[in-house]
Amino acid sequence: MSRPKGIGEQIAKETTVQIDGMMSIFDGAGVEKQIKRRDGVVRVDANFLSGAATIVYDETRVVLDDINRLILCGINCGGSFCQHLLKSS
């Protein structure tokens, strides 16, 4: 029986998401920077050529909806800190 990938006692989940709108390497870097800021994210690899990002995260600390919001910020705000992220959804 295989064990899931663990982060201490938590479980790490790996997901690949398609991202529309990444036009350059800078968009990919912005997406990575925004997502990496979130506690619970272990690893991010965004590729503007494939239009996708692979994210490893602790699903007990972050949900996919948060990651999707951060992806939009990465494209629209780049690596800048987004004030709108402080607002509750």
N, C-alpha and C. Protein backbone atom coordinates (compact mmCIF):
# COMPACT_ATOMS: atom_id res chain seq x y z
N MET A 1 0.85 -1.18 0.00
CA MET A 1 0.00 0.00 0.00
C MET A 1 0.89 1.23 0.00
N SER A 2 0.68 2.15 -0.96
CA SER A 2 1.53 3.34 -1.02
C SER A 2 1.00 4.41 -0.08
N ARG A 3 1.93 5.14 0.50
CA ARG A 3 1.57 6.23 1.40
C ARG A 3 1.52 7.53 0.63
N PRO A 4 0.59 8.43 0.97
CA PRO A 4 0.56 9.73 0.32
C PRO A 4 1.78 10.54 0.74
N LYS A 5 2.15 11.51 -0.11
CA LYS A 5 3.26 12.39 0.22
C LYS A 5 2.92 13.15 1.48
N GLY A 6 3.83 13.20 2.43
CA GLY A 6 3.53 13.87 3.68
C GLY A 6 4.41 15.07 3.94
N ILE A 7 3.86 16.05 4.62
CA ILE A 7 4.61 17.20 5.12
C ILE A 7 4.41 17.12 6.62
N GLY A 8 5.35 16.53 7.33
CA GLY A 8 5.11 16.30 8.74
C GLY A 8 3.92 15.37 8.87
N GLU A 9 2.90 15.83 9.56
CA GLU A 9 1.68 15.05 9.72
C GLU A 9 0.63 15.41 8.68
N GLN A 10 0.87 16.47 7.90
CA GLN A 10 -0.12 16.88 6.91
C GLN A 10 0.12 16.17 5.59
N ILE A 11 -0.86 16.25 4.73
CA ILE A 11 -0.79 15.60 3.43
C ILE A 11 -0.57 16.65 2.35
N ALA A 12 0.39 16.38 1.47
CA ALA A 12 0.65 17.27 0.35
C ALA A 12 -0.10 16.77 -0.86
N LYS A 13 -0.73 17.69 -1.55
CA LYS A 13 -1.47 17.36 -2.76
C LYS A 13 -0.79 18.06 -3.93
N GLU A 14 -0.65 17.35 -5.03
CA GLU A 14 -0.07 17.94 -6.23
C GLU A 14 -1.17 18.06 -7.27
N THR A 15 -1.26 19.24 -7.86
CA THR A 15 -2.26 19.46 -8.90
C THR A 15 -1.65 20.29 -10.01
N THR A 16 -2.13 20.09 -11.21
CA THR A 16 -1.72 20.90 -12.36
C THR A 16 -2.94 21.65 -12.84
N VAL A 17 -2.81 22.95 -12.98
CA VAL A 17 -3.93 23.78 -13.43
C VAL A 17 -3.56 24.46 -14.74
N GLN A 18 -4.52 24.54 -15.63
CA GLN A 18 -4.34 25.27 -16.88
C GLN A 18 -4.56 26.75 -16.58
N ILE A 19 -3.73 27.61 -17.16
CA ILE A 19 -3.82 29.04 -16.92
C ILE A 19 -3.93 29.77 -18.24
N ASP A 20 -5.06 30.42 -18.45
CA ASP A 20 -5.25 31.24 -19.64
C ASP A 20 -4.69 32.63 -19.35
N GLY A 21 -4.02 33.21 -20.32
CA GLY A 21 -3.59 34.60 -20.18
C GLY A 21 -2.11 34.79 -19.91
N MET A 22 -1.36 33.72 -19.68
CA MET A 22 0.09 33.90 -19.50
C MET A 22 0.70 34.14 -20.87
N MET A 23 1.26 35.34 -21.05
CA MET A 23 1.79 35.72 -22.35
C MET A 23 3.33 35.73 -22.41
N SER A 24 3.98 35.69 -21.25
CA SER A 24 5.43 35.75 -21.24
C SER A 24 5.98 35.05 -20.01
N ILE A 25 7.29 34.93 -19.99
CA ILE A 25 7.96 34.32 -18.84
C ILE A 25 7.71 35.14 -17.58
N PHE A 26 7.46 36.44 -17.75
CA PHE A 26 7.20 37.30 -16.59
C PHE A 26 5.86 36.97 -15.95
N ASP A 27 4.88 36.60 -16.75
CA ASP A 27 3.60 36.16 -16.20
C ASP A 27 3.77 34.89 -15.37
N GLY A 28 4.55 33.95 -15.89
CA GLY A 28 4.81 32.71 -15.16
C GLY A 28 5.52 32.99 -13.84
N ALA A 29 6.49 33.91 -13.88
CA ALA A 29 7.22 34.27 -12.65
C ALA A 29 6.29 34.96 -11.66
N GLY A 30 5.39 35.80 -12.15
CA GLY A 30 4.43 36.46 -11.27
C GLY A 30 3.49 35.48 -10.61
N VAL A 31 3.03 34.50 -11.38
CA VAL A 31 2.15 33.46 -10.84
C VAL A 31 2.89 32.68 -9.74
N GLU A 32 4.12 32.28 -10.03
CA GLU A 32 4.90 31.54 -9.03
C GLU A 32 5.09 32.36 -7.77
N LYS A 33 5.44 33.62 -7.92
CA LYS A 33 5.73 34.47 -6.76
C LYS A 33 4.49 34.65 -5.89
N GLN A 34 3.34 34.88 -6.51
CA GLN A 34 2.11 35.07 -5.73
C GLN A 34 1.72 33.79 -4.99
N ILE A 35 1.79 32.66 -5.68
CA ILE A 35 1.37 31.41 -5.04
C ILE A 35 2.33 31.02 -3.92
N LYS A 36 3.62 31.22 -4.12
CA LYS A 36 4.61 30.85 -3.10
C LYS A 36 4.44 31.65 -1.82
N ARG A 37 3.82 32.81 -1.90
CA ARG A 37 3.61 33.64 -0.70
C ARG A 37 2.60 33.01 0.26
N ARG A 38 1.79 32.12 -0.23
CA ARG A 38 0.71 31.53 0.57
C ARG A 38 1.25 30.43 1.46
N ASP A 39 0.99 30.55 2.77
CA ASP A 39 1.37 29.49 3.70
C ASP A 39 0.68 28.19 3.27
N GLY A 40 1.41 27.12 3.31
CA GLY A 40 0.87 25.83 2.93
C GLY A 40 1.26 25.39 1.53
N VAL A 41 1.82 26.32 0.74
CA VAL A 41 2.29 25.95 -0.59
C VAL A 41 3.72 25.46 -0.48
N VAL A 42 3.98 24.29 -1.01
CA VAL A 42 5.29 23.66 -0.91
C VAL A 42 6.14 23.97 -2.14
N ARG A 43 5.54 23.87 -3.33
CA ARG A 43 6.30 24.06 -4.57
C ARG A 43 5.36 24.52 -5.68
N VAL A 44 5.90 25.39 -6.55
CA VAL A 44 5.14 25.87 -7.71
C VAL A 44 6.05 25.88 -8.92
N ASP A 45 5.54 25.41 -10.03
CA ASP A 45 6.27 25.48 -11.30
C ASP A 45 5.27 25.92 -12.36
N ALA A 46 5.36 27.21 -12.74
CA ALA A 46 4.46 27.75 -13.77
C ALA A 46 5.23 27.86 -15.07
N ASN A 47 4.60 27.44 -16.16
CA ASN A 47 5.24 27.46 -17.47
C ASN A 47 4.32 28.16 -18.46
N PHE A 48 4.76 29.35 -18.92
CA PHE A 48 3.89 30.10 -19.81
C PHE A 48 3.77 29.44 -21.19
N LEU A 49 4.77 28.66 -21.59
CA LEU A 49 4.69 27.99 -22.89
C LEU A 49 3.60 26.94 -22.92
N SER A 50 3.49 26.19 -21.83
CA SER A 50 2.44 25.16 -21.77
C SER A 50 1.13 25.73 -21.24
N GLY A 51 1.19 26.92 -20.63
CA GLY A 51 -0.02 27.53 -20.07
C GLY A 51 -0.54 26.77 -18.87
N ALA A 52 0.39 26.23 -18.08
CA ALA A 52 -0.01 25.44 -16.91
C ALA A 52 0.93 25.69 -15.74
N ALA A 53 0.44 25.35 -14.56
CA ALA A 53 1.27 25.41 -13.36
C ALA A 53 1.03 24.14 -12.56
N THR A 54 2.12 23.57 -12.07
CA THR A 54 2.03 22.43 -11.16
C THR A 54 2.31 22.95 -9.77
N ILE A 55 1.41 22.64 -8.85
CA ILE A 55 1.48 23.18 -7.49
C ILE A 55 1.39 22.02 -6.51
N VAL A 56 2.30 22.02 -5.55
CA VAL A 56 2.25 21.07 -4.45
C VAL A 56 1.90 21.88 -3.21
N TYR A 57 0.83 21.48 -2.53
CA TYR A 57 0.37 22.26 -1.38
C TYR A 57 -0.22 21.35 -0.31
N ASP A 58 -0.27 21.90 0.89
CA ASP A 58 -0.86 21.20 2.03
C ASP A 58 -2.34 21.54 2.04
N GLU A 59 -3.16 20.57 1.67
CA GLU A 59 -4.59 20.84 1.53
C GLU A 59 -5.29 21.07 2.87
N THR A 60 -4.59 20.90 3.98
CA THR A 60 -5.17 21.26 5.27
C THR A 60 -4.96 22.73 5.57
N ARG A 61 -4.11 23.41 4.78
CA ARG A 61 -3.80 24.82 5.04
C ARG A 61 -4.18 25.76 3.91
N VAL A 62 -4.40 25.24 2.72
CA VAL A 62 -4.77 26.07 1.58
C VAL A 62 -5.72 25.28 0.69
N VAL A 63 -6.66 25.98 0.09
CA VAL A 63 -7.63 25.33 -0.80
C VAL A 63 -7.39 25.81 -2.23
N LEU A 64 -7.86 25.02 -3.17
CA LEU A 64 -7.64 25.32 -4.58
C LEU A 64 -8.24 26.66 -5.00
N ASP A 65 -9.35 27.07 -4.39
CA ASP A 65 -9.94 28.37 -4.70
C ASP A 65 -8.96 29.51 -4.39
N ASP A 66 -8.23 29.40 -3.27
CA ASP A 66 -7.22 30.40 -2.92
C ASP A 66 -6.12 30.44 -3.98
N ILE A 67 -5.70 29.27 -4.41
CA ILE A 67 -4.64 29.19 -5.42
C ILE A 67 -5.11 29.81 -6.74
N ASN A 68 -6.34 29.54 -7.13
CA ASN A 68 -6.87 30.12 -8.36
C ASN A 68 -6.92 31.64 -8.28
N ARG A 69 -7.26 32.17 -7.12
CA ARG A 69 -7.27 33.63 -6.93
C ARG A 69 -5.86 34.19 -7.05
N LEU A 70 -4.89 33.49 -6.50
CA LEU A 70 -3.50 33.92 -6.56
C LEU A 70 -2.95 33.85 -7.99
N ILE A 71 -3.43 32.90 -8.77
CA ILE A 71 -3.02 32.81 -10.17
C ILE A 71 -3.45 34.07 -10.92
N LEU A 72 -4.68 34.50 -10.71
CA LEU A 72 -5.16 35.73 -11.34
C LEU A 72 -4.32 36.93 -10.91
N CYS A 73 -3.96 36.97 -9.64
CA CYS A 73 -3.12 38.06 -9.16
C CYS A 73 -1.74 38.01 -9.81
N GLY A 74 -1.21 36.81 -9.97
CA GLY A 74 0.10 36.67 -10.58
C GLY A 74 0.14 37.18 -12.00
N ILE A 75 -0.95 36.99 -12.73
CA ILE A 75 -1.02 37.48 -14.11
C ILE A 75 -1.30 38.97 -14.14
N ASN A 76 -2.24 39.43 -13.32
CA ASN A 76 -2.66 40.83 -13.36
C ASN A 76 -1.77 41.77 -12.54
N CYS A 77 -1.21 41.28 -11.46
CA CYS A 77 -0.41 42.14 -10.57
C CYS A 77 1.08 41.78 -10.61
N GLY A 78 1.42 40.70 -11.30
CA GLY A 78 2.82 40.27 -11.36
C GLY A 78 3.30 39.84 -9.99
N GLY A 79 4.51 40.22 -9.68
CA GLY A 79 5.08 39.85 -8.39
C GLY A 79 4.79 40.84 -7.29
N SER A 80 4.03 41.90 -7.63
CA SER A 80 3.70 42.92 -6.63
C SER A 80 2.77 42.36 -5.58
N PHE A 81 2.84 42.94 -4.38
CA PHE A 81 1.91 42.54 -3.33
C PHE A 81 0.54 43.10 -3.67
N CYS A 82 -0.47 42.28 -3.66
CA CYS A 82 -1.82 42.68 -4.05
C CYS A 82 -2.62 43.06 -2.80
N GLN A 83 -2.99 44.32 -2.72
CA GLN A 83 -3.80 44.77 -1.58
C GLN A 83 -5.16 44.08 -1.53
N HIS A 84 -5.71 43.75 -2.69
CA HIS A 84 -7.03 43.12 -2.72
C HIS A 84 -7.03 41.73 -2.12
N LEU A 85 -5.84 41.13 -1.95
CA LEU A 85 -5.77 39.80 -1.31
C LEU A 85 -6.08 39.89 0.18
N LEU A 86 -5.93 41.08 0.75
CA LEU A 86 -6.19 41.24 2.17
C LEU A 86 -7.68 41.22 2.46
N LYS A 87 -8.50 41.50 1.45
CA LYS A 87 -9.95 41.51 1.61
C LYS A 87 -10.45 40.07 1.70
N SER A 88 -11.39 39.83 2.56
CA SER A 88 -11.95 38.47 2.65
C SER A 88 -12.88 38.25 1.48
N SER A 89 -12.95 37.01 1.02
CA SER A 89 -13.81 36.72 -0.13
C SER A 89 -15.18 36.28 0.28
